[in-house]
Amino acid sequence: MATDPARADGRSAAFADLRSDLLVLVDRHTRAVIDAELHRLARRAPSLSPADLAFVNTVLEDLAESAILAPLRNAPRNSAPLLTRIFDAEHR
């Protein structure tokens, strides 16, 4: 029995959309955390220059990309619903 290609493509698109939505959500949250930390750091260490803060920003962005966003992007398609529940994306 053959699989209906339209149905299979619809599922793929739905999982891609879910994963894409999750990536956007996690990326936004990551950006908010980085911004809050930079603000806190600037207050606690006023001697840091804008270049210092830009460097810290770059390091935190690279860390978020390698530790969180890249693994999400590379997760198997069928894990999107589980990842959405883990990150509680439905309640944000």
C-alpha atoms as a PDB file:
ATOM      1  CA  MET A   1       0.000   0.000   0.000  1.00  0.00           C
ATOM      2  CA  ALA A   2       1.512   3.311  -1.108  1.00  0.00           C
ATOM      3  CA  THR A   3       1.679   6.348   1.110  1.00  0.00           C
ATOM      4  CA  ASP A   4      -0.300   9.328  -0.082  1.00  0.00           C
ATOM      5  CA  PRO A   5       2.408  11.837  -1.152  1.00  0.00           C
ATOM      6  CA  ALA A   6       0.219  14.856  -0.375  1.00  0.00           C
ATOM      7  CA  ARG A   7      -0.339  13.606   3.167  1.00  0.00           C
ATOM      8  CA  ALA A   8       3.347  12.841   3.684  1.00  0.00           C
ATOM      9  CA  ASP A   9       4.329  16.289   2.383  1.00  0.00           C
ATOM     10  CA  GLY A  10       1.722  17.883   4.637  1.00  0.00           C
ATOM     11  CA  ARG A  11       3.217  16.159   7.655  1.00  0.00           C
ATOM     12  CA  SER A  12       6.723  17.202   6.644  1.00  0.00           C
ATOM     13  CA  ALA A  13       5.575  20.782   6.221  1.00  0.00           C
ATOM     14  CA  ALA A  14       3.791  20.716   9.576  1.00  0.00           C
ATOM     15  CA  PHE A  15       6.893  19.386  11.351  1.00  0.00           C
ATOM     16  CA  ALA A  16       9.088  21.917   9.529  1.00  0.00           C
ATOM     17  CA  ASP A  17       6.733  24.735  10.559  1.00  0.00           C
ATOM     18  CA  LEU A  18       6.656  23.488  14.156  1.00  0.00           C
ATOM     19  CA  ARG A  19      10.431  23.231  14.281  1.00  0.00           C
ATOM     20  CA  SER A  20      10.778  26.630  12.620  1.00  0.00           C
ATOM     21  CA  ASP A  21       8.373  28.197  15.129  1.00  0.00           C
ATOM     22  CA  LEU A  22      10.290  26.574  17.966  1.00  0.00           C
ATOM     23  CA  LEU A  23      13.608  27.871  16.637  1.00  0.00           C
ATOM     24  CA  VAL A  24      12.207  31.391  16.394  1.00  0.00           C
ATOM     25  CA  LEU A  25      10.868  31.157  19.944  1.00  0.00           C
ATOM     26  CA  VAL A  26      14.113  29.804  21.386  1.00  0.00           C
ATOM     27  CA  ASP A  27      16.166  32.316  19.398  1.00  0.00           C
ATOM     28  CA  ARG A  28      14.054  35.197  20.755  1.00  0.00           C
ATOM     29  CA  HIS A  29      14.334  33.885  24.300  1.00  0.00           C
ATOM     30  CA  THR A  30      18.093  33.436  23.911  1.00  0.00           C
ATOM     31  CA  ARG A  31      18.417  36.999  22.621  1.00  0.00           C
ATOM     32  CA  ALA A  32      16.409  38.305  25.589  1.00  0.00           C
ATOM     33  CA  VAL A  33      18.642  36.429  28.043  1.00  0.00           C
ATOM     34  CA  ILE A  34      21.810  37.713  26.372  1.00  0.00           C
ATOM     35  CA  ASP A  35      20.485  41.287  26.372  1.00  0.00           C
ATOM     36  CA  ALA A  36      19.563  41.044  30.061  1.00  0.00           C
ATOM     37  CA  GLU A  37      22.990  39.672  30.938  1.00  0.00           C
ATOM     38  CA  LEU A  38      24.759  42.394  28.951  1.00  0.00           C
ATOM     39  CA  HIS A  39      22.672  45.037  30.719  1.00  0.00           C
ATOM     40  CA  ARG A  40      23.467  43.499  34.110  1.00  0.00           C
ATOM     41  CA  LEU A  41      27.162  43.273  33.256  1.00  0.00           C
ATOM     42  CA  ALA A  42      27.269  46.889  32.080  1.00  0.00           C
ATOM     43  CA  ARG A  43      25.744  47.991  35.407  1.00  0.00           C
ATOM     44  CA  ARG A  44      28.061  45.863  37.540  1.00  0.00           C
ATOM     45  CA  ALA A  45      31.220  46.683  35.589  1.00  0.00           C
ATOM     46  CA  PRO A  46      30.864  50.255  34.310  1.00  0.00           C
ATOM     47  CA  SER A  47      34.515  50.284  33.267  1.00  0.00           C
ATOM     48  CA  LEU A  48      33.751  47.904  30.372  1.00  0.00           C
ATOM     49  CA  SER A  49      33.842  49.676  27.036  1.00  0.00           C
ATOM     50  CA  PRO A  50      31.273  49.208  24.272  1.00  0.00           C
ATOM     51  CA  ALA A  51      33.895  47.086  22.486  1.00  0.00           C
ATOM     52  CA  ASP A  52      34.202  44.858  25.575  1.00  0.00           C
ATOM     53  CA  LEU A  53      30.437  44.430  25.737  1.00  0.00           C
ATOM     54  CA  ALA A  54      30.302  43.719  21.997  1.00  0.00           C
ATOM     55  CA  PHE A  55      32.905  40.991  22.490  1.00  0.00           C
ATOM     56  CA  VAL A  56      30.908  39.434  25.343  1.00  0.00           C
ATOM     57  CA  ASN A  57      27.787  39.638  23.160  1.00  0.00           C
ATOM     58  CA  THR A  58      29.548  37.783  20.338  1.00  0.00           C
ATOM     59  CA  VAL A  59      30.801  35.076  22.692  1.00  0.00           C
ATOM     60  CA  LEU A  60      27.332  34.578  24.214  1.00  0.00           C
ATOM     61  CA  GLU A  61      25.719  34.456  20.757  1.00  0.00           C
ATOM     62  CA  ASP A  62      28.271  31.843  19.620  1.00  0.00           C
ATOM     63  CA  LEU A  63      27.646  29.819  22.759  1.00  0.00           C
ATOM     64  CA  ALA A  64      23.865  29.941  22.288  1.00  0.00           C
ATOM     65  CA  GLU A  65      24.241  28.952  18.645  1.00  0.00           C
ATOM     66  CA  SER A  66      26.499  25.975  19.310  1.00  0.00           C
ATOM     67  CA  ALA A  67      24.855  24.743  22.517  1.00  0.00           C
ATOM     68  CA  ILE A  68      21.179  25.360  21.806  1.00  0.00           C
ATOM     69  CA  LEU A  69      20.194  26.555  18.342  1.00  0.00           C
ATOM     70  CA  ALA A  70      22.358  24.287  16.159  1.00  0.00           C
ATOM     71  CA  PRO A  71      21.262  21.107  17.983  1.00  0.00           C
ATOM     72  CA  LEU A  72      17.628  22.190  17.625  1.00  0.00           C
ATOM     73  CA  ARG A  73      18.116  22.925  13.944  1.00  0.00           C
ATOM     74  CA  ASN A  74      19.712  19.500  13.447  1.00  0.00           C
ATOM     75  CA  ALA A  75      17.180  17.544  15.502  1.00  0.00           C
ATOM     76  CA  PRO A  76      15.249  14.848  13.655  1.00  0.00           C
ATOM     77  CA  ARG A  77      12.040  16.083  12.087  1.00  0.00           C
ATOM     78  CA  ASN A  78       9.858  13.764  14.146  1.00  0.00           C
ATOM     79  CA  SER A  79      11.181  15.244  17.397  1.00  0.00           C
ATOM     80  CA  ALA A  80       9.591  18.678  16.823  1.00  0.00           C
ATOM     81  CA  PRO A  81       6.430  17.956  18.889  1.00  0.00           C
ATOM     82  CA  LEU A  82       8.527  16.623  21.794  1.00  0.00           C
ATOM     83  CA  LEU A  83      10.938  19.556  21.649  1.00  0.00           C
ATOM     84  CA  THR A  84       7.999  21.953  21.606  1.00  0.00           C
ATOM     85  CA  ARG A  85       6.682  20.369  24.812  1.00  0.00           C
ATOM     86  CA  ILE A  86      10.138  20.440  26.405  1.00  0.00           C
ATOM     87  CA  PHE A  87      10.539  24.129  25.643  1.00  0.00           C
ATOM     88  CA  ASP A  88       6.891  24.766  26.546  1.00  0.00           C
ATOM     89  CA  ALA A  89       6.403  26.656  23.290  1.00  0.00           C
ATOM     90  CA  GLU A  90       2.629  26.302  23.414  1.00  0.00           C
ATOM     91  CA  HIS A  91       2.389  28.505  26.521  1.00  0.00           C
ATOM     92  CA  ARG A  92       4.554  31.453  25.409  1.00  0.00           C
END
